[in-house]
Structure formats: structure tokens, C-alpha cells
N, C-alpha and C. Protein backbone atom coordinates (compact mmCIF):
# COMPACT_ATOMS: atom_id res chain seq x y z
N MET A 1 0.85 -1.19 0.00
CA MET A 1 0.00 0.00 0.00
C MET A 1 0.88 1.25 0.00
N LEU A 2 0.60 2.16 -0.89
CA LEU A 2 1.36 3.40 -0.98
C LEU A 2 0.95 4.34 0.15
N ASP A 3 1.95 5.01 0.77
CA ASP A 3 1.60 6.02 1.76
C ASP A 3 1.56 7.39 1.08
N ASN A 4 1.25 8.43 1.84
CA ASN A 4 1.10 9.77 1.27
C ASN A 4 2.36 10.27 0.60
N ASN A 5 3.53 9.97 1.17
CA ASN A 5 4.78 10.42 0.57
C ASN A 5 5.06 9.71 -0.75
N ASP A 6 4.71 8.42 -0.83
CA ASP A 6 4.85 7.70 -2.09
C ASP A 6 3.96 8.31 -3.16
N VAL A 7 2.73 8.63 -2.77
CA VAL A 7 1.78 9.22 -3.73
C VAL A 7 2.26 10.60 -4.17
N LEU A 8 2.86 11.37 -3.26
CA LEU A 8 3.38 12.68 -3.62
C LEU A 8 4.49 12.55 -4.67
N LYS A 9 5.37 11.58 -4.50
CA LYS A 9 6.44 11.38 -5.48
C LYS A 9 5.86 11.04 -6.85
N LEU A 10 4.84 10.19 -6.87
CA LEU A 10 4.19 9.85 -8.14
C LEU A 10 3.53 11.08 -8.76
N ALA A 11 2.92 11.91 -7.91
CA ALA A 11 2.27 13.12 -8.41
C ALA A 11 3.28 14.09 -8.99
N ARG A 12 4.42 14.27 -8.31
CA ARG A 12 5.47 15.14 -8.84
C ARG A 12 5.93 14.66 -10.22
N ASN A 13 6.22 13.35 -10.31
CA ASN A 13 6.70 12.80 -11.57
C ASN A 13 5.66 12.98 -12.67
N ALA A 14 4.38 12.80 -12.32
CA ALA A 14 3.31 12.94 -13.30
C ALA A 14 3.21 14.39 -13.80
N VAL A 15 3.33 15.35 -12.88
CA VAL A 15 3.27 16.76 -13.28
C VAL A 15 4.44 17.10 -14.20
N GLU A 16 5.63 16.60 -13.89
CA GLU A 16 6.79 16.86 -14.74
C GLU A 16 6.59 16.25 -16.13
N LYS A 17 6.06 15.04 -16.17
CA LYS A 17 5.80 14.38 -17.45
C LYS A 17 4.79 15.18 -18.27
N MET A 18 3.74 15.66 -17.63
CA MET A 18 2.72 16.45 -18.30
C MET A 18 3.30 17.78 -18.79
N PHE A 19 4.16 18.38 -18.00
CA PHE A 19 4.81 19.63 -18.38
C PHE A 19 5.64 19.46 -19.65
N LEU A 20 6.41 18.37 -19.71
CA LEU A 20 7.23 18.11 -20.89
C LEU A 20 6.37 17.86 -22.12
N GLU A 21 5.24 17.23 -21.94
CA GLU A 21 4.37 16.89 -23.08
C GLU A 21 3.51 18.08 -23.52
N LYS A 22 2.97 18.83 -22.57
CA LYS A 22 1.97 19.85 -22.89
C LYS A 22 2.52 21.27 -23.00
N GLY A 23 3.67 21.53 -22.37
CA GLY A 23 4.22 22.88 -22.42
C GLY A 23 3.77 23.74 -21.26
N ARG A 24 4.49 24.86 -21.06
CA ARG A 24 4.35 25.66 -19.85
C ARG A 24 3.01 26.38 -19.72
N GLU A 25 2.27 26.62 -20.82
CA GLU A 25 1.03 27.37 -20.75
C GLU A 25 -0.21 26.50 -20.58
N PHE A 26 -0.06 25.22 -20.51
CA PHE A 26 -1.18 24.28 -20.44
C PHE A 26 -1.93 24.45 -19.11
N THR A 27 -3.26 24.38 -19.16
CA THR A 27 -4.09 24.41 -17.95
C THR A 27 -4.86 23.10 -17.86
N PHE A 28 -5.26 22.74 -16.63
CA PHE A 28 -5.81 21.40 -16.43
C PHE A 28 -6.57 21.30 -15.11
N PRO A 29 -7.50 20.34 -15.02
CA PRO A 29 -8.09 19.99 -13.72
C PRO A 29 -7.10 19.12 -12.96
N PHE A 30 -7.14 19.15 -11.65
CA PHE A 30 -6.14 18.41 -10.87
C PHE A 30 -6.17 16.92 -11.17
N ASP A 31 -7.37 16.36 -11.40
CA ASP A 31 -7.44 14.90 -11.56
C ASP A 31 -6.78 14.40 -12.85
N LEU A 32 -6.44 15.31 -13.76
CA LEU A 32 -5.72 14.89 -14.97
C LEU A 32 -4.33 14.37 -14.63
N ILE A 33 -3.77 14.85 -13.54
CA ILE A 33 -2.42 14.46 -13.14
C ILE A 33 -2.28 12.95 -13.04
N TRP A 34 -3.30 12.29 -12.49
CA TRP A 34 -3.18 10.86 -12.24
C TRP A 34 -3.13 10.04 -13.52
N GLN A 35 -3.61 10.60 -14.62
CA GLN A 35 -3.53 9.89 -15.90
C GLN A 35 -2.10 9.85 -16.43
N TYR A 36 -1.20 10.63 -15.83
CA TYR A 36 0.20 10.65 -16.25
C TYR A 36 1.08 9.80 -15.34
N THR A 37 0.48 9.04 -14.46
CA THR A 37 1.24 8.06 -13.68
C THR A 37 1.29 6.75 -14.44
N GLU A 38 2.26 5.92 -14.12
CA GLU A 38 2.44 4.66 -14.85
C GLU A 38 1.26 3.72 -14.64
N ASP A 39 0.70 3.71 -13.44
CA ASP A 39 -0.42 2.84 -13.15
C ASP A 39 -1.37 3.57 -12.21
N GLU A 40 -2.34 4.26 -12.79
CA GLU A 40 -3.25 5.08 -12.01
C GLU A 40 -4.02 4.26 -10.98
N SER A 41 -4.27 2.99 -11.30
CA SER A 41 -5.08 2.15 -10.42
C SER A 41 -4.40 1.86 -9.09
N GLN A 42 -3.05 2.00 -9.01
CA GLN A 42 -2.35 1.68 -7.77
C GLN A 42 -2.45 2.80 -6.74
N ILE A 43 -2.96 3.96 -7.13
CA ILE A 43 -2.99 5.11 -6.24
C ILE A 43 -4.34 5.17 -5.53
N PRO A 44 -4.35 5.02 -4.21
CA PRO A 44 -5.61 5.03 -3.46
C PRO A 44 -6.35 6.35 -3.67
N SER A 45 -7.65 6.27 -3.91
CA SER A 45 -8.44 7.47 -4.13
C SER A 45 -8.44 8.37 -2.90
N THR A 46 -8.29 7.78 -1.72
CA THR A 46 -8.29 8.56 -0.48
C THR A 46 -7.02 9.38 -0.31
N ALA A 47 -5.94 8.99 -1.00
CA ALA A 47 -4.67 9.70 -0.87
C ALA A 47 -4.52 10.82 -1.89
N ARG A 48 -5.35 10.86 -2.89
CA ARG A 48 -5.19 11.83 -3.97
C ARG A 48 -5.48 13.28 -3.57
N PRO A 49 -6.58 13.55 -2.86
CA PRO A 49 -6.88 14.95 -2.54
C PRO A 49 -5.81 15.64 -1.70
N HIS A 50 -5.08 14.86 -0.86
CA HIS A 50 -4.06 15.45 0.01
C HIS A 50 -2.92 16.08 -0.78
N GLN A 51 -2.73 15.66 -2.02
CA GLN A 51 -1.56 16.10 -2.78
C GLN A 51 -1.73 17.50 -3.37
N VAL A 52 -2.97 18.00 -3.41
CA VAL A 52 -3.18 19.34 -3.99
C VAL A 52 -2.39 20.38 -3.20
N LYS A 53 -2.59 20.44 -1.87
CA LYS A 53 -1.91 21.44 -1.06
C LYS A 53 -0.40 21.25 -1.09
N ARG A 54 0.03 20.00 -1.16
CA ARG A 54 1.47 19.73 -1.15
C ARG A 54 2.12 20.21 -2.44
N LEU A 55 1.48 19.96 -3.57
CA LEU A 55 2.02 20.42 -4.85
C LEU A 55 1.93 21.94 -4.97
N LEU A 56 0.89 22.52 -4.39
CA LEU A 56 0.79 23.98 -4.38
C LEU A 56 1.90 24.59 -3.55
N SER A 57 2.17 24.02 -2.38
CA SER A 57 3.21 24.57 -1.50
C SER A 57 4.60 24.43 -2.10
N GLU A 58 4.80 23.39 -2.90
CA GLU A 58 6.09 23.18 -3.56
C GLU A 58 6.20 23.96 -4.87
N GLU A 59 5.12 24.66 -5.24
CA GLU A 59 5.07 25.47 -6.47
C GLU A 59 5.21 24.62 -7.72
N TYR A 60 4.78 23.37 -7.64
CA TYR A 60 4.70 22.52 -8.83
C TYR A 60 3.49 22.94 -9.66
N ILE A 61 2.40 23.32 -8.97
CA ILE A 61 1.19 23.77 -9.64
C ILE A 61 0.70 25.04 -8.95
N GLU A 62 -0.20 25.77 -9.62
CA GLU A 62 -0.86 26.91 -9.01
C GLU A 62 -2.23 27.08 -9.63
N LYS A 63 -3.14 27.67 -8.90
CA LYS A 63 -4.48 27.90 -9.40
C LYS A 63 -4.49 29.07 -10.38
N THR A 64 -5.30 28.94 -11.43
CA THR A 64 -5.44 30.04 -12.39
C THR A 64 -6.52 31.01 -11.94
N GLY A 65 -7.39 30.57 -11.03
CA GLY A 65 -8.54 31.37 -10.63
C GLY A 65 -9.78 31.02 -11.43
N GLY A 66 -9.61 30.15 -12.44
CA GLY A 66 -10.72 29.74 -13.27
C GLY A 66 -11.34 28.43 -12.83
N ILE A 67 -12.40 28.05 -13.53
CA ILE A 67 -13.10 26.79 -13.27
C ILE A 67 -13.08 25.97 -14.55
N THR A 68 -12.85 24.68 -14.40
CA THR A 68 -12.87 23.77 -15.54
C THR A 68 -13.70 22.54 -15.17
N ARG A 69 -13.61 21.48 -15.97
CA ARG A 69 -14.39 20.27 -15.73
C ARG A 69 -13.48 19.12 -15.34
N ALA A 70 -13.91 18.37 -14.32
CA ALA A 70 -13.15 17.20 -13.87
C ALA A 70 -13.19 16.12 -14.96
N LEU A 71 -12.18 15.25 -14.95
CA LEU A 71 -12.05 14.22 -15.97
C LEU A 71 -12.14 12.81 -15.42
N SER A 72 -11.98 12.63 -14.11
CA SER A 72 -12.00 11.29 -13.55
C SER A 72 -13.38 10.67 -13.71
N SER A 73 -13.43 9.35 -13.74
CA SER A 73 -14.69 8.65 -14.02
C SER A 73 -15.77 9.00 -12.99
N LYS A 74 -15.39 9.18 -11.74
CA LYS A 74 -16.36 9.46 -10.70
C LYS A 74 -16.87 10.89 -10.73
N ARG A 75 -16.05 11.81 -11.23
CA ARG A 75 -16.42 13.23 -11.18
C ARG A 75 -16.47 13.88 -12.55
N ALA A 76 -16.44 13.10 -13.60
CA ALA A 76 -16.37 13.63 -14.97
C ALA A 76 -17.46 14.66 -15.23
N GLY A 77 -17.01 15.83 -15.70
CA GLY A 77 -17.96 16.87 -16.06
C GLY A 77 -18.31 17.83 -14.95
N SER A 78 -18.00 17.50 -13.71
CA SER A 78 -18.34 18.39 -12.60
C SER A 78 -17.34 19.55 -12.52
N ALA A 79 -17.81 20.68 -12.02
CA ALA A 79 -16.96 21.87 -11.93
C ALA A 79 -15.85 21.66 -10.91
N THR A 80 -14.66 22.13 -11.26
CA THR A 80 -13.50 21.96 -10.39
C THR A 80 -12.50 23.08 -10.68
N PRO A 81 -11.66 23.46 -9.73
CA PRO A 81 -10.68 24.52 -9.98
C PRO A 81 -9.73 24.17 -11.13
N GLU A 82 -9.32 25.20 -11.84
CA GLU A 82 -8.36 25.03 -12.94
C GLU A 82 -6.95 25.35 -12.42
N TYR A 83 -5.99 24.54 -12.87
CA TYR A 83 -4.59 24.72 -12.45
C TYR A 83 -3.70 24.92 -13.66
N ARG A 84 -2.52 25.45 -13.40
CA ARG A 84 -1.45 25.51 -14.39
C ARG A 84 -0.16 25.11 -13.69
N PHE A 85 0.89 24.97 -14.45
CA PHE A 85 2.17 24.60 -13.85
C PHE A 85 2.71 25.76 -13.02
N GLY A 86 3.28 25.43 -11.86
CA GLY A 86 3.82 26.44 -10.96
C GLY A 86 5.18 26.93 -11.40
N ARG A 87 5.67 27.93 -10.69
CA ARG A 87 6.94 28.57 -11.08
C ARG A 87 8.13 27.62 -10.98
N ALA A 88 8.03 26.59 -10.13
CA ALA A 88 9.13 25.64 -10.04
C ALA A 88 9.41 25.00 -11.39
N LEU A 89 8.36 24.78 -12.19
CA LEU A 89 8.53 24.21 -13.52
C LEU A 89 8.59 25.28 -14.59
N ARG A 90 7.70 26.28 -14.53
CA ARG A 90 7.66 27.30 -15.58
C ARG A 90 8.94 28.12 -15.61
N ASP A 91 9.51 28.41 -14.44
CA ASP A 91 10.74 29.19 -14.38
C ASP A 91 11.98 28.32 -14.30
N LYS A 92 11.78 27.00 -14.40
CA LYS A 92 12.88 26.04 -14.42
C LYS A 92 13.85 26.25 -13.25
N LEU A 93 13.28 26.32 -12.05
CA LEU A 93 14.13 26.46 -10.87
C LEU A 93 14.99 25.22 -10.69
N LEU A 94 16.15 25.44 -10.13
CA LEU A 94 17.07 24.34 -9.87
C LEU A 94 16.47 23.42 -8.83
N LYS A 95 16.38 22.14 -9.14
CA LYS A 95 15.74 21.17 -8.25
C LYS A 95 16.77 20.36 -7.50
N PHE A 96 16.49 20.11 -6.21
CA PHE A 96 17.33 19.29 -5.36
C PHE A 96 16.58 18.01 -5.01
N ILE A 97 17.26 16.87 -5.11
CA ILE A 97 16.66 15.59 -4.75
C ILE A 97 17.61 14.84 -3.83
N VAL A 98 17.12 14.41 -2.68
CA VAL A 98 17.92 13.64 -1.73
C VAL A 98 17.82 12.17 -2.09
N VAL A 99 18.96 11.49 -2.22
CA VAL A 99 18.97 10.09 -2.66
C VAL A 99 19.95 9.27 -1.83
N GLU A 100 19.74 7.97 -1.86
CA GLU A 100 20.71 7.04 -1.28
C GLU A 100 21.82 6.76 -2.29
N ASN A 101 21.41 6.57 -3.56
CA ASN A 101 22.34 6.31 -4.66
C ASN A 101 21.92 7.12 -5.87
N LEU A 102 22.88 7.49 -6.69
CA LEU A 102 22.57 8.28 -7.88
C LEU A 102 21.72 7.45 -8.85
N PRO A 103 20.61 8.00 -9.35
CA PRO A 103 19.73 7.25 -10.24
C PRO A 103 20.19 7.33 -11.70
N THR A 104 19.62 6.48 -12.52
CA THR A 104 19.81 6.55 -13.96
C THR A 104 18.84 7.59 -14.52
N LEU A 105 19.32 8.49 -15.36
CA LEU A 105 18.51 9.58 -15.87
C LEU A 105 18.19 9.39 -17.34
N ASP A 106 17.07 9.99 -17.78
CA ASP A 106 16.73 9.97 -19.20
C ASP A 106 16.03 11.28 -19.54
N GLU A 107 15.49 11.39 -20.75
CA GLU A 107 14.91 12.63 -21.22
C GLU A 107 13.59 12.98 -20.55
N THR A 108 13.04 12.09 -19.73
CA THR A 108 11.80 12.41 -19.02
C THR A 108 12.06 13.26 -17.79
N ASN A 109 13.33 13.41 -17.40
CA ASN A 109 13.67 14.27 -16.28
C ASN A 109 13.75 15.73 -16.75
N ILE A 110 13.46 16.64 -15.84
CA ILE A 110 13.60 18.07 -16.11
C ILE A 110 14.89 18.55 -15.47
N PHE A 111 15.77 19.09 -16.26
CA PHE A 111 17.10 19.50 -15.80
C PHE A 111 17.17 21.02 -15.68
N PRO A 112 18.11 21.53 -14.85
CA PRO A 112 19.14 20.83 -14.08
C PRO A 112 18.59 20.28 -12.76
N ILE A 113 19.31 19.30 -12.21
CA ILE A 113 18.97 18.69 -10.93
C ILE A 113 20.26 18.58 -10.11
N ILE A 114 20.17 18.88 -8.84
CA ILE A 114 21.28 18.58 -7.94
C ILE A 114 20.86 17.42 -7.04
N PHE A 115 21.60 16.35 -7.10
CA PHE A 115 21.34 15.19 -6.25
C PHE A 115 22.20 15.31 -5.00
N LEU A 116 21.56 15.16 -3.85
CA LEU A 116 22.25 15.16 -2.57
C LEU A 116 22.28 13.73 -2.07
N GLN A 117 23.43 13.09 -2.23
CA GLN A 117 23.57 11.68 -1.86
C GLN A 117 23.97 11.58 -0.39
N LYS A 118 23.15 10.88 0.39
CA LYS A 118 23.40 10.77 1.83
C LYS A 118 24.73 10.08 2.12
N LYS A 119 25.43 10.57 3.15
CA LYS A 119 26.68 9.96 3.58
C LYS A 119 26.51 9.46 5.02
N ASP A 120 27.43 8.60 5.45
CA ASP A 120 27.30 7.94 6.75
C ASP A 120 27.82 8.77 7.91
N TRP A 121 28.39 9.93 7.63
CA TRP A 121 28.98 10.76 8.68
C TRP A 121 27.93 11.09 9.74
N ASP A 122 28.28 10.89 11.01
CA ASP A 122 27.36 11.10 12.13
C ASP A 122 28.12 11.81 13.24
N ASP A 123 27.68 13.03 13.58
CA ASP A 123 28.32 13.81 14.62
C ASP A 123 27.39 13.85 15.83
N PHE A 124 27.48 12.81 16.66
CA PHE A 124 26.67 12.70 17.87
C PHE A 124 25.17 12.86 17.55
N GLY A 125 24.71 12.15 16.53
CA GLY A 125 23.30 12.16 16.17
C GLY A 125 22.94 13.12 15.06
N TYR A 126 23.84 14.03 14.72
CA TYR A 126 23.57 14.97 13.62
C TYR A 126 24.08 14.36 12.32
N ARG A 127 23.15 13.93 11.47
CA ARG A 127 23.51 13.32 10.19
C ARG A 127 23.20 14.33 9.09
N THR A 128 24.19 15.10 8.73
CA THR A 128 23.97 16.26 7.85
C THR A 128 24.83 16.23 6.59
N ALA A 129 25.57 15.14 6.36
CA ALA A 129 26.55 15.11 5.27
C ALA A 129 25.95 14.55 3.99
N TYR A 130 26.26 15.22 2.87
CA TYR A 130 25.80 14.80 1.55
C TYR A 130 26.93 15.02 0.54
N GLU A 131 26.88 14.26 -0.53
CA GLU A 131 27.73 14.53 -1.69
C GLU A 131 26.84 15.11 -2.77
N ALA A 132 27.16 16.29 -3.27
CA ALA A 132 26.33 16.99 -4.23
C ALA A 132 26.82 16.73 -5.66
N THR A 133 25.89 16.32 -6.52
CA THR A 133 26.18 16.10 -7.93
C THR A 133 25.16 16.86 -8.77
N LEU A 134 25.64 17.66 -9.70
CA LEU A 134 24.77 18.42 -10.60
C LEU A 134 24.57 17.64 -11.89
N ALA A 135 23.31 17.31 -12.21
CA ALA A 135 22.98 16.66 -13.48
C ALA A 135 22.46 17.73 -14.43
N ILE A 136 23.16 17.94 -15.52
CA ILE A 136 22.80 18.96 -16.50
C ILE A 136 21.96 18.36 -17.63
N SER A 137 22.19 17.09 -17.91
CA SER A 137 21.45 16.34 -18.92
C SER A 137 21.62 14.86 -18.61
N PRO A 138 20.94 13.98 -19.32
CA PRO A 138 21.15 12.55 -19.05
C PRO A 138 22.59 12.12 -19.26
N GLN A 139 23.30 12.85 -20.14
CA GLN A 139 24.67 12.46 -20.47
C GLN A 139 25.73 13.24 -19.70
N LYS A 140 25.34 14.33 -19.03
CA LYS A 140 26.36 15.18 -18.42
C LYS A 140 26.04 15.46 -16.96
N SER A 141 26.94 15.06 -16.07
CA SER A 141 26.83 15.33 -14.64
C SER A 141 28.16 15.87 -14.13
N VAL A 142 28.09 16.72 -13.11
CA VAL A 142 29.29 17.33 -12.54
C VAL A 142 29.27 17.08 -11.03
N SER A 143 30.34 16.49 -10.51
CA SER A 143 30.46 16.30 -9.07
C SER A 143 30.89 17.63 -8.44
N LEU A 144 30.06 18.16 -7.52
CA LEU A 144 30.40 19.42 -6.85
C LEU A 144 31.23 19.18 -5.61
N GLY A 145 30.98 18.05 -4.93
CA GLY A 145 31.74 17.74 -3.73
C GLY A 145 30.84 17.59 -2.52
N ASP A 146 31.46 17.51 -1.36
CA ASP A 146 30.73 17.26 -0.12
C ASP A 146 30.19 18.55 0.48
N ILE A 147 29.00 18.43 1.07
CA ILE A 147 28.36 19.57 1.72
C ILE A 147 27.63 19.05 2.96
N LYS A 148 27.54 19.91 3.99
CA LYS A 148 26.73 19.59 5.16
C LYS A 148 25.56 20.57 5.22
N ILE A 149 24.36 20.01 5.43
CA ILE A 149 23.15 20.82 5.51
C ILE A 149 22.44 20.48 6.81
N LEU A 150 22.20 21.49 7.61
CA LEU A 150 21.53 21.31 8.90
C LEU A 150 20.20 22.05 8.88
N ILE A 151 19.14 21.34 9.28
CA ILE A 151 17.82 21.95 9.43
C ILE A 151 17.42 21.80 10.89
N GLY A 152 16.98 22.87 11.51
CA GLY A 152 16.59 22.80 12.90
C GLY A 152 17.81 22.71 13.81
N ASN A 153 17.58 22.30 15.03
CA ASN A 153 18.68 22.27 16.00
C ASN A 153 18.65 21.02 16.87
N THR A 154 18.10 19.93 16.34
CA THR A 154 18.08 18.67 17.07
C THR A 154 18.75 17.58 16.26
N PRO A 155 19.26 16.52 16.89
CA PRO A 155 19.92 15.44 16.17
C PRO A 155 18.99 14.74 15.18
N SER A 156 19.62 14.04 14.24
CA SER A 156 18.91 13.24 13.24
C SER A 156 17.99 14.06 12.36
N GLU A 157 18.32 15.34 12.15
CA GLU A 157 17.48 16.19 11.32
C GLU A 157 17.58 15.82 9.85
N GLN A 158 18.57 15.00 9.46
CA GLN A 158 18.71 14.63 8.06
C GLN A 158 17.42 14.04 7.53
N SER A 159 16.70 13.29 8.37
CA SER A 159 15.47 12.65 7.94
C SER A 159 14.37 13.66 7.64
N LYS A 160 14.54 14.93 8.10
CA LYS A 160 13.54 15.95 7.85
C LYS A 160 13.84 16.79 6.62
N LEU A 161 14.98 16.60 5.99
CA LEU A 161 15.27 17.31 4.76
C LEU A 161 14.30 16.81 3.70
N PRO A 162 13.55 17.69 3.03
CA PRO A 162 12.59 17.21 2.03
C PRO A 162 13.27 16.35 0.98
N ASP A 163 12.57 15.34 0.48
CA ASP A 163 13.20 14.47 -0.51
C ASP A 163 13.35 15.17 -1.85
N THR A 164 12.52 16.17 -2.12
CA THR A 164 12.64 17.00 -3.32
C THR A 164 12.29 18.44 -2.92
N PHE A 165 13.11 19.40 -3.35
CA PHE A 165 12.80 20.79 -3.03
C PHE A 165 13.48 21.73 -4.01
N PHE A 166 12.95 22.95 -4.09
CA PHE A 166 13.50 23.99 -4.95
C PHE A 166 14.05 25.15 -4.14
N SER A 167 13.59 25.30 -2.94
CA SER A 167 14.01 26.41 -2.09
C SER A 167 13.94 25.97 -0.63
N MET A 168 14.82 26.55 0.18
CA MET A 168 14.81 26.23 1.60
C MET A 168 14.33 27.41 2.44
N HIS A 169 13.65 28.37 1.81
CA HIS A 169 13.22 29.56 2.54
C HIS A 169 12.24 29.23 3.65
N SER A 170 11.48 28.14 3.49
CA SER A 170 10.48 27.81 4.50
C SER A 170 11.07 26.99 5.65
N HIS A 171 12.37 26.76 5.62
CA HIS A 171 13.01 25.94 6.66
C HIS A 171 14.15 26.73 7.30
N LYS A 172 14.41 26.48 8.59
CA LYS A 172 15.57 27.04 9.25
C LYS A 172 16.74 26.11 8.96
N PHE A 173 17.70 26.58 8.20
CA PHE A 173 18.77 25.69 7.79
C PHE A 173 20.07 26.48 7.63
N CYS A 174 21.16 25.75 7.61
CA CYS A 174 22.45 26.32 7.20
C CYS A 174 23.20 25.24 6.44
N SER A 175 24.10 25.67 5.57
CA SER A 175 24.86 24.71 4.77
C SER A 175 26.29 25.18 4.65
N LEU A 176 27.19 24.21 4.46
CA LEU A 176 28.61 24.53 4.36
C LEU A 176 29.31 23.51 3.48
N GLY A 177 29.92 23.98 2.39
CA GLY A 177 30.76 23.12 1.58
C GLY A 177 31.97 22.68 2.38
N GLN A 178 32.45 21.46 2.09
CA GLN A 178 33.48 20.86 2.93
C GLN A 178 34.90 21.02 2.40
N SER A 179 35.05 21.76 1.31
CA SER A 179 36.39 21.97 0.77
C SER A 179 36.40 23.20 -0.14
N ILE A 180 37.60 23.73 -0.38
CA ILE A 180 37.75 24.84 -1.31
C ILE A 180 37.32 24.39 -2.71
N GLU A 181 37.60 23.14 -3.06
CA GLU A 181 37.24 22.63 -4.38
C GLU A 181 35.73 22.69 -4.59
N TYR A 182 34.97 22.45 -3.54
CA TYR A 182 33.51 22.53 -3.66
C TYR A 182 33.11 23.92 -4.16
N TYR A 183 33.64 24.95 -3.55
CA TYR A 183 33.26 26.32 -3.92
C TYR A 183 33.80 26.69 -5.30
N LYS A 184 34.95 26.16 -5.65
CA LYS A 184 35.47 26.38 -7.00
C LYS A 184 34.54 25.74 -8.03
N ASN A 185 34.06 24.55 -7.72
CA ASN A 185 33.15 23.86 -8.65
C ASN A 185 31.84 24.62 -8.81
N VAL A 186 31.31 25.16 -7.71
CA VAL A 186 30.08 25.95 -7.78
C VAL A 186 30.31 27.23 -8.58
N ALA A 187 31.44 27.89 -8.33
CA ALA A 187 31.75 29.13 -9.03
C ALA A 187 31.93 28.92 -10.52
N ALA A 188 32.33 27.71 -10.91
CA ALA A 188 32.59 27.41 -12.31
C ALA A 188 31.33 27.02 -13.09
N LEU A 189 30.19 26.94 -12.42
CA LEU A 189 28.96 26.56 -13.12
C LEU A 189 28.60 27.59 -14.18
N ASP A 190 28.00 27.14 -15.26
CA ASP A 190 27.59 28.03 -16.34
C ASP A 190 26.60 29.07 -15.82
N SER A 191 26.56 30.22 -16.47
CA SER A 191 25.69 31.30 -16.02
C SER A 191 24.22 30.92 -16.09
N ASP A 192 23.84 30.02 -17.00
CA ASP A 192 22.43 29.66 -17.09
C ASP A 192 22.01 28.77 -15.92
N ILE A 193 22.97 28.23 -15.17
CA ILE A 193 22.65 27.50 -13.95
C ILE A 193 22.63 28.45 -12.76
N ARG A 194 23.46 29.47 -12.81
CA ARG A 194 23.63 30.35 -11.66
C ARG A 194 22.95 31.70 -11.84
N ASN A 195 22.04 31.83 -12.82
CA ASN A 195 21.42 33.12 -13.08
C ASN A 195 20.41 33.49 -11.99
N PRO A 196 19.87 34.72 -12.01
CA PRO A 196 19.02 35.18 -10.90
C PRO A 196 17.79 34.32 -10.63
N ARG A 197 17.21 33.69 -11.66
CA ARG A 197 16.00 32.90 -11.42
C ARG A 197 16.28 31.72 -10.50
N CYS A 198 17.57 31.31 -10.38
CA CYS A 198 17.93 30.20 -9.50
C CYS A 198 18.39 30.68 -8.13
N GLN A 199 18.38 31.99 -7.91
CA GLN A 199 19.01 32.52 -6.70
C GLN A 199 18.40 31.93 -5.43
N ASN A 200 17.08 31.84 -5.37
CA ASN A 200 16.45 31.34 -4.16
C ASN A 200 16.80 29.88 -3.91
N SER A 201 16.95 29.10 -4.99
CA SER A 201 17.25 27.69 -4.83
C SER A 201 18.71 27.45 -4.57
N CYS A 202 19.57 28.20 -5.27
CA CYS A 202 20.99 27.92 -5.23
C CYS A 202 21.63 28.26 -3.89
N ARG A 203 20.96 29.05 -3.07
CA ARG A 203 21.58 29.48 -1.82
C ARG A 203 21.99 28.30 -0.97
N VAL A 204 21.34 27.13 -1.13
CA VAL A 204 21.68 25.97 -0.32
C VAL A 204 23.03 25.39 -0.69
N ILE A 205 23.54 25.68 -1.90
CA ILE A 205 24.83 25.10 -2.28
C ILE A 205 25.97 26.09 -2.19
N ARG A 206 25.70 27.30 -1.73
CA ARG A 206 26.77 28.29 -1.69
C ARG A 206 27.44 28.35 -0.33
């Protein structure tokens, strides 16, 4: 049985897939998202409504203020809020994903992505160490180096770092690269990665 976090991951992936297929100006009812999952039937109907607020808060989607028609079999034709893609996708904000191991990438991913690979370093319960890798395309990745990210002020906060995020403004956090090479690698990034639209997101790697 999928839990709410599993369903959120599926919803994120579905929105990204729809964005790549439909383009940034596309508008839609929320229930269309589930048609872009690999197996819509595996997603409990009770878990679906919870994802609206979560995707809104992550700026994956936003309301247009309009009304459209639902598409799901149970609600087909009924009035429902209209959505569009949020600024995280429309403005192509730099995305961070926390992983155990680096995944295999393909053209269905939206780039750039920074993967934060968990490390075993433990400082009296504070597990804050990651290795940062920037994926620019399926064929091109750049190792930035080690970084420590702390959220809050209690041990084991690593588990509270969102698994996917674009900005850390809503969290109390600090970060520190672990070598001069790390900062040299960040400084050497192309301007289209480090331009102003990424400023809010990139602050976590500086």
C-alpha cells in the first residue's frame, strides 16, 4: 500500500511528465495528473486529494482562478478549480533531490537537478553530510563535492530534509561546503545554472 509520501512522489513525476508533453502554458483539472502516472489504479483514491496542497506549496502547480471540468470517471464533467504549472517548472528552478544512490537519468527528467547523496557521517546524532552532484542532462553530470546541511537544532534532522525541493526559505537551515574545491566547482557553473532565477534555490549550495 502506498503512503502519502509515495503518492506525492508519483504526483510530482506525473506533473513533470505532463509539463514536458503539454508545455508551460497548459491548464488542467487536478485529476488529470493521475492519468500521467504509470499505473493510475495503484494510487488510493483517499490519498489523492491530500496532494493538492502539497504540490501547491512546492510550487509545482498553481491555481489560475478559473473553473474547468473534472475528468476522472467518478467526477467527470463536474466543476472543479483550474490549475497551471507552478513557477518551479515554468521558471525552471534548480531542483534538489535527496537520494541514497545516484539514479539513472533519461529525457523524461527536467534538468538541471542537484542530487544530494546521503553519507554515513554522524556527529553525535547529527547526520547532515551529503555529496552533491549536478545533473545537466542525461549524459552530463558534474560532481560538486561534499556539503553539510543542517535543518533545525536537534539530532537526526537529516530525515527531515525534504526528498525534493526547490528552495529552503520555509526551513531554518544552514549549509557549508566541505572543501575549497567545492566552492570552485560551484563558481565554475555556467551562467544559465547560476542566473538570478535560480538565486532562491541555489543558496543551499553556496
